[in-house]
N, C-alpha and C. Protein backbone atom coordinates (compact mmCIF):
# COMPACT_ATOMS: atom_id res chain seq x y z
N MET A 1 79.33 103.58 83.43
CA MET A 1 79.18 103.74 84.65
C MET A 1 79.23 104.90 85.55
N ILE A 2 80.16 105.74 84.61
CA ILE A 2 80.82 106.96 85.84
C ILE A 2 79.58 108.09 85.72
N ASN A 3 78.29 108.59 84.52
CA ASN A 3 77.93 109.09 84.51
C ASN A 3 76.26 109.22 85.62
N ASN A 4 76.10 107.62 86.62
CA ASN A 4 75.58 107.55 87.20
C ASN A 4 75.57 107.74 88.62
N THR A 5 76.94 108.58 89.16
CA THR A 5 77.76 108.22 89.89
C THR A 5 77.77 109.71 91.24
N ASN A 6 77.74 109.66 91.53
CA ASN A 6 78.46 110.66 92.49
C ASN A 6 79.88 111.85 92.34
N SER A 7 80.32 112.79 92.94
CA SER A 7 81.16 113.34 92.31
C SER A 7 82.64 112.55 92.95
N ALA A 8 82.20 112.38 94.37
CA ALA A 8 83.58 111.06 94.77
C ALA A 8 83.44 110.45 94.46
N ALA A 9 82.07 109.38 93.33
CA ALA A 9 82.62 107.80 92.61
C ALA A 9 83.73 108.47 91.23
N LYS A 10 82.70 109.53 90.58
CA LYS A 10 83.72 109.66 89.47
C LYS A 10 84.97 110.30 89.91
N THR A 11 85.77 111.09 90.79
CA THR A 11 87.24 110.31 90.96
C THR A 11 87.79 109.40 91.20
N VAL A 12 87.17 108.02 92.03
CA VAL A 12 87.35 107.38 92.22
C VAL A 12 87.83 106.39 90.98
N LEU A 13 86.54 106.50 90.15
CA LEU A 13 86.44 106.32 88.79
C LEU A 13 87.67 106.51 87.81
N SER A 14 87.88 107.86 87.59
CA SER A 14 88.20 108.28 87.16
C SER A 14 90.46 108.20 87.38
N PHE A 15 90.46 107.86 88.37
CA PHE A 15 91.89 107.52 89.42
C PHE A 15 91.86 105.67 88.51
N ILE A 16 90.90 104.59 88.61
CA ILE A 16 91.12 103.84 88.46
C ILE A 16 91.49 103.75 86.77
N ASP A 17 90.71 104.76 85.63
CA ASP A 17 91.58 104.58 84.62
C ASP A 17 92.52 105.19 84.78
N ALA A 18 93.69 105.78 85.17
CA ALA A 18 94.94 105.71 84.53
C ALA A 18 95.54 105.13 85.11
N MET A 19 94.86 104.66 86.41
CA MET A 19 95.92 103.26 86.29
C MET A 19 95.86 102.76 85.99
N ASN A 20 94.64 101.75 85.48
CA ASN A 20 94.80 101.08 83.91
C ASN A 20 95.31 101.10 82.64
N THR A 21 95.75 102.88 82.56
CA THR A 21 95.95 102.71 81.09
C THR A 21 97.69 103.25 81.97
N GLU A 22 97.79 103.27 83.52
CA GLU A 22 99.15 102.98 83.35
C GLU A 22 99.94 104.79 83.24
N ASP A 23 98.87 105.40 83.17
CA ASP A 23 98.91 107.04 82.80
C ASP A 23 99.11 107.94 84.96
N PHE A 24 100.43 107.72 85.40
CA PHE A 24 100.40 107.63 86.55
C PHE A 24 100.80 109.06 87.07
N LYS A 25 100.88 109.75 86.16
CA LYS A 25 101.07 111.07 86.32
C LYS A 25 99.50 111.68 86.39
N THR A 26 98.25 110.94 85.19
CA THR A 26 96.60 111.58 85.73
C THR A 26 96.68 111.16 87.43
N ALA A 27 96.67 110.35 87.06
CA ALA A 27 96.23 109.35 88.37
C ALA A 27 96.86 110.32 89.57
N ARG A 28 97.88 110.50 89.54
CA ARG A 28 98.53 111.29 90.60
C ARG A 28 97.48 112.98 91.11
N ASN A 29 96.68 112.82 89.90
CA ASN A 29 96.02 114.53 89.98
C ASN A 29 94.70 114.59 90.58
N TYR A 30 94.55 112.67 91.08
CA TYR A 30 93.17 112.70 91.75
C TYR A 30 93.27 112.13 93.77
N VAL A 31 94.72 112.20 93.64
CA VAL A 31 94.87 112.19 95.22
C VAL A 31 95.84 113.43 96.16
N THR A 32 95.73 113.17 97.58
CA THR A 32 96.46 113.99 97.98
C THR A 32 97.73 114.05 98.08
N ASN A 33 98.91 114.94 99.00
CA ASN A 33 99.95 114.45 98.16
C ASN A 33 100.00 113.39 99.70
N ASP A 34 99.24 113.82 100.89
CA ASP A 34 99.65 113.17 101.99
C ASP A 34 98.76 111.50 102.24
N LEU A 35 98.70 110.46 101.04
CA LEU A 35 98.04 110.32 100.82
C LEU A 35 98.04 108.90 101.31
N LYS A 36 97.06 107.87 102.21
CA LYS A 36 97.55 106.75 103.04
C LYS A 36 96.92 105.71 102.23
N PHE A 37 96.95 104.77 101.68
CA PHE A 37 96.79 103.76 101.97
C PHE A 37 97.50 102.46 102.13
N GLU A 38 96.19 102.17 102.73
CA GLU A 38 96.71 100.60 103.59
C GLU A 38 95.97 99.11 102.63
N GLY A 39 97.02 98.20 103.07
CA GLY A 39 96.60 97.15 102.53
C GLY A 39 97.03 95.29 102.90
N VAL A 40 96.60 94.54 102.14
CA VAL A 40 97.05 93.43 102.55
C VAL A 40 98.05 93.05 103.07
N MET A 41 99.10 93.83 102.14
CA MET A 41 100.68 93.19 101.79
C MET A 41 101.60 94.27 102.41
N GLY A 42 100.81 95.15 102.68
CA GLY A 42 101.29 96.81 103.12
C GLY A 42 100.93 98.15 103.85
N ILE A 43 101.52 99.33 104.40
CA ILE A 43 100.85 100.90 104.21
C ILE A 43 101.75 101.40 103.42
N ARG A 44 101.38 102.80 102.59
CA ARG A 44 102.26 103.25 101.59
C ARG A 44 101.18 104.65 102.68
N ASP A 45 102.61 106.09 102.90
CA ASP A 45 102.26 107.07 103.23
C ASP A 45 102.56 107.66 102.27
N GLY A 46 101.55 108.73 101.91
CA GLY A 46 102.25 109.84 100.81
C GLY A 46 102.41 109.00 99.24
N ALA A 47 101.61 110.07 98.34
CA ALA A 47 101.70 109.78 97.79
C ALA A 47 102.86 109.31 96.79
N GLU A 48 104.00 110.06 96.83
CA GLU A 48 104.68 109.89 96.36
C GLU A 48 105.32 108.14 96.41
N THR A 49 105.23 107.86 97.41
CA THR A 49 105.81 106.53 98.10
C THR A 49 104.94 105.27 96.90
N TYR A 50 103.03 105.35 97.91
CA TYR A 50 102.64 105.28 96.93
C TYR A 50 102.94 104.55 95.36
N PHE A 51 102.85 105.88 94.16
CA PHE A 51 103.39 105.87 93.30
C PHE A 51 104.33 105.07 92.61
N LYS A 52 105.13 105.44 93.98
CA LYS A 52 106.47 104.48 93.60
C LYS A 52 106.17 103.16 93.23
N ASP A 53 105.44 102.78 94.21
CA ASP A 53 105.77 101.09 94.22
C ASP A 53 104.32 100.77 92.84
N MET A 54 103.03 101.90 92.85
CA MET A 54 102.21 100.82 92.22
C MET A 54 102.84 101.10 90.73
N GLU A 55 104.14 102.53 90.03
CA GLU A 55 104.42 102.22 88.85
C GLU A 55 105.37 100.79 88.72
N LYS A 56 106.11 100.16 89.44
CA LYS A 56 106.49 98.72 88.94
C LYS A 56 105.76 97.80 88.45
N MET A 57 104.36 98.00 89.62
CA MET A 57 103.39 96.87 90.03
C MET A 57 102.51 97.25 88.95
N LYS A 58 101.77 97.90 88.00
CA LYS A 58 101.14 98.20 87.01
C LYS A 58 99.66 97.02 87.48
N LEU A 59 99.15 97.21 88.08
CA LEU A 59 98.43 96.31 88.62
C LEU A 59 96.90 97.18 87.81
N LYS A 60 96.19 95.95 87.36
CA LYS A 60 95.04 96.74 86.58
C LYS A 60 93.47 95.98 87.23
N TYR A 61 92.68 96.74 87.23
CA TYR A 61 91.62 96.74 87.81
C TYR A 61 90.28 96.59 86.50
N GLU A 62 89.42 95.54 86.93
CA GLU A 62 88.62 95.04 85.98
C GLU A 62 87.09 95.12 87.88
N ILE A 63 86.68 96.86 87.30
CA ILE A 63 85.66 97.56 88.61
C ILE A 63 84.07 96.16 87.81
N LEU A 64 83.58 95.84 89.39
CA LEU A 64 82.55 95.06 89.14
C LEU A 64 81.29 95.50 89.64
N LYS A 65 81.86 96.49 90.87
CA LYS A 65 80.53 96.83 91.63
C LYS A 65 80.58 98.40 92.26
N VAL A 66 80.13 99.31 92.35
CA VAL A 66 80.49 100.81 92.93
C VAL A 66 79.63 101.12 93.76
N PHE A 67 79.54 101.47 94.87
CA PHE A 67 78.52 101.91 95.84
C PHE A 67 78.94 103.50 95.92
N PHE A 68 78.44 104.52 96.83
CA PHE A 68 78.97 105.37 97.38
C PHE A 68 77.85 106.14 98.75
N ASP A 69 78.25 107.49 99.12
CA ASP A 69 77.62 107.38 100.67
C ASP A 69 77.73 108.85 100.17
N GLU A 70 78.27 110.00 98.93
CA GLU A 70 78.59 111.01 100.67
C GLU A 70 80.56 111.13 99.98
N ASN A 71 81.04 110.92 100.82
CA ASN A 71 82.92 111.35 100.56
C ASN A 71 82.91 109.78 100.36
N ASP A 72 83.10 109.26 100.71
CA ASP A 72 83.21 107.07 100.49
C ASP A 72 82.44 106.63 99.09
N VAL A 73 83.42 105.65 98.84
CA VAL A 73 83.42 105.33 97.75
C VAL A 73 83.82 103.65 97.83
N CYS A 74 82.85 103.06 97.69
CA CYS A 74 83.50 101.61 98.03
C CYS A 74 83.60 100.88 96.80
N LEU A 75 84.92 99.91 96.10
CA LEU A 75 84.39 99.41 95.04
C LEU A 75 84.80 98.10 95.46
N PHE A 76 84.02 96.69 94.33
CA PHE A 76 84.64 95.71 94.52
C PHE A 76 85.47 95.01 93.24
N TYR A 77 86.46 94.63 93.14
CA TYR A 77 86.88 94.63 91.59
C TYR A 77 87.49 92.97 91.76
N ASN A 78 88.17 93.46 90.83
CA ASN A 78 89.42 91.82 90.00
C ASN A 78 90.70 93.04 89.76
N ILE A 79 91.70 92.79 90.92
CA ILE A 79 92.79 93.07 90.70
C ILE A 79 93.48 92.41 89.97
N THR A 80 94.63 92.38 89.35
CA THR A 80 95.39 91.50 88.37
C THR A 80 97.00 91.86 88.94
N MET A 81 97.13 91.46 89.88
CA MET A 81 98.62 91.05 90.36
C MET A 81 99.37 89.90 89.98
N SER A 82 100.90 90.15 89.61
CA SER A 82 101.36 89.04 89.32
C SER A 82 101.08 88.24 88.10
N GLY A 83 99.81 88.50 87.90
CA GLY A 83 100.00 87.04 86.46
C GLY A 83 98.38 87.04 87.25
N LYS A 84 98.17 87.54 88.57
CA LYS A 84 97.35 86.49 89.57
C LYS A 84 95.57 87.50 89.27
N LYS A 85 94.33 87.06 88.82
CA LYS A 85 93.22 88.32 89.41
C LYS A 85 92.67 87.47 90.91
N ILE A 86 92.65 88.49 91.04
CA ILE A 86 92.24 88.43 92.81
C ILE A 86 91.15 89.43 92.91
N PHE A 87 90.43 88.75 93.61
CA PHE A 87 88.71 89.93 93.82
C PHE A 87 89.20 90.38 95.14
N SER A 88 88.77 91.67 95.12
CA SER A 88 89.13 92.82 96.48
C SER A 88 88.22 93.60 96.65
N ALA A 89 88.32 94.36 97.12
CA ALA A 89 87.61 95.03 97.46
C ALA A 89 88.03 96.48 98.60
N GLY A 90 87.37 97.80 97.67
CA GLY A 90 88.16 99.18 98.35
C GLY A 90 87.31 99.53 98.33
N TRP A 91 88.16 100.66 99.49
CA TRP A 91 86.86 101.55 100.26
C TRP A 91 88.23 102.62 100.53
N TYR A 92 87.80 104.02 99.60
CA TYR A 92 87.98 105.34 99.37
C TYR A 92 87.37 105.98 99.75
N LYS A 93 88.04 107.40 100.35
CA LYS A 93 87.98 108.74 101.76
C LYS A 93 88.23 109.95 100.82
N ILE A 94 86.68 110.36 99.98
CA ILE A 94 87.19 111.69 99.24
C ILE A 94 87.62 113.03 100.23
N GLU A 95 87.91 114.05 99.89
CA GLU A 95 88.52 115.15 100.65
C GLU A 95 88.99 115.97 99.91
N ASN A 96 88.29 116.96 99.59
CA ASN A 96 87.67 118.65 98.61
C ASN A 96 88.01 117.77 97.42
N ASN A 97 87.54 116.54 96.63
CA ASN A 97 87.83 115.78 95.54
C ASN A 97 88.69 114.86 95.13
N LYS A 98 89.57 114.37 95.87
CA LYS A 98 91.26 113.74 95.74
C LYS A 98 90.49 113.04 97.45
N ILE A 99 91.02 112.01 96.91
CA ILE A 99 91.42 110.46 97.37
C ILE A 99 92.55 110.89 98.81
N LYS A 100 92.17 110.83 99.26
CA LYS A 100 92.80 111.13 100.93
C LYS A 100 93.40 109.92 101.29
N SER A 101 92.53 108.80 101.31
CA SER A 101 92.75 107.71 102.08
C SER A 101 92.18 106.37 100.66
N PHE A 102 92.81 105.22 101.29
CA PHE A 102 91.72 104.13 101.08
C PHE A 102 92.65 102.50 101.34
N LYS A 103 91.80 102.08 101.39
CA LYS A 103 92.17 100.40 101.88
C LYS A 103 90.87 99.10 101.43
N VAL A 104 92.79 98.24 101.63
CA VAL A 104 91.82 97.73 100.00
C VAL A 104 92.41 96.32 101.11
N VAL A 105 91.54 95.20 100.83
CA VAL A 105 91.30 93.99 101.24
C VAL A 105 90.66 92.99 100.21
N PHE A 106 92.22 91.66 100.60
CA PHE A 106 91.52 90.81 99.58
C PHE A 106 92.30 89.18 100.43
N ASP A 107 92.05 88.14 99.92
CA ASP A 107 92.81 86.94 100.12
C ASP A 107 94.30 86.67 99.69
N PRO A 108 95.26 87.11 100.27
CA PRO A 108 96.31 87.79 99.71
C PRO A 108 97.46 85.50 99.67
N ARG A 109 96.33 84.54 99.93
CA ARG A 109 97.02 82.94 99.50
C ARG A 109 97.00 82.87 97.72
N PRO A 110 96.50 83.45 97.12
CA PRO A 110 97.38 83.05 95.18
C PRO A 110 98.55 83.64 95.25
N LEU A 111 99.06 84.56 95.94
CA LEU A 111 100.42 85.91 95.67
C LEU A 111 101.25 85.20 96.76
N LEU A 112 101.22 84.33 97.61
CA LEU A 112 101.60 84.16 98.96
C LEU A 112 102.55 82.58 97.89
N GLU A 113 101.27 81.38 97.80
CA GLU A 113 101.45 80.59 97.03
C GLU A 113 102.22 80.78 95.50
N GLU A 114 102.75 81.50 95.61
CA GLU A 114 102.91 82.23 93.51
C GLU A 114 104.69 81.97 94.49
N SER A 115 104.85 83.23 95.69
CA SER A 115 106.11 83.76 96.06
C SER A 115 106.83 82.15 96.83
N GLN A 116 106.35 81.64 98.02
CA GLN A 116 106.93 80.20 97.96
C GLN A 116 107.41 79.14 96.17
N LYS A 117 106.35 79.66 95.79
CA LYS A 117 106.97 78.78 94.65
C LYS A 117 108.52 78.84 94.25
N LYS A 118 108.88 80.27 94.35
CA LYS A 118 109.81 80.73 93.27
C LYS A 118 111.20 80.65 93.72
């Protein structure tokens, strides 16, 4: 999959590969220090804040489709969170071959329903 993509998509796919193997040090190399993350469950400003949370969550990504246009990359993927597989979409913005920002959207109801059971 990585061979037929542009450099921005290669950056994102390499980031996702590192996240899947919980190699957060390598994943950190693919983002800017001032990374901005926006998701359904909150916003993270800065790479340190983002990775602090990700090291606890240990999400797993199953990439379904990759779209790219210059420095924009969009992924459809299943993300496994809290033991639930959630269909999601991520929009990544690349600057100087690093992820500058990204947004992830998904239906949070399965996670909310699980938290209400506890």
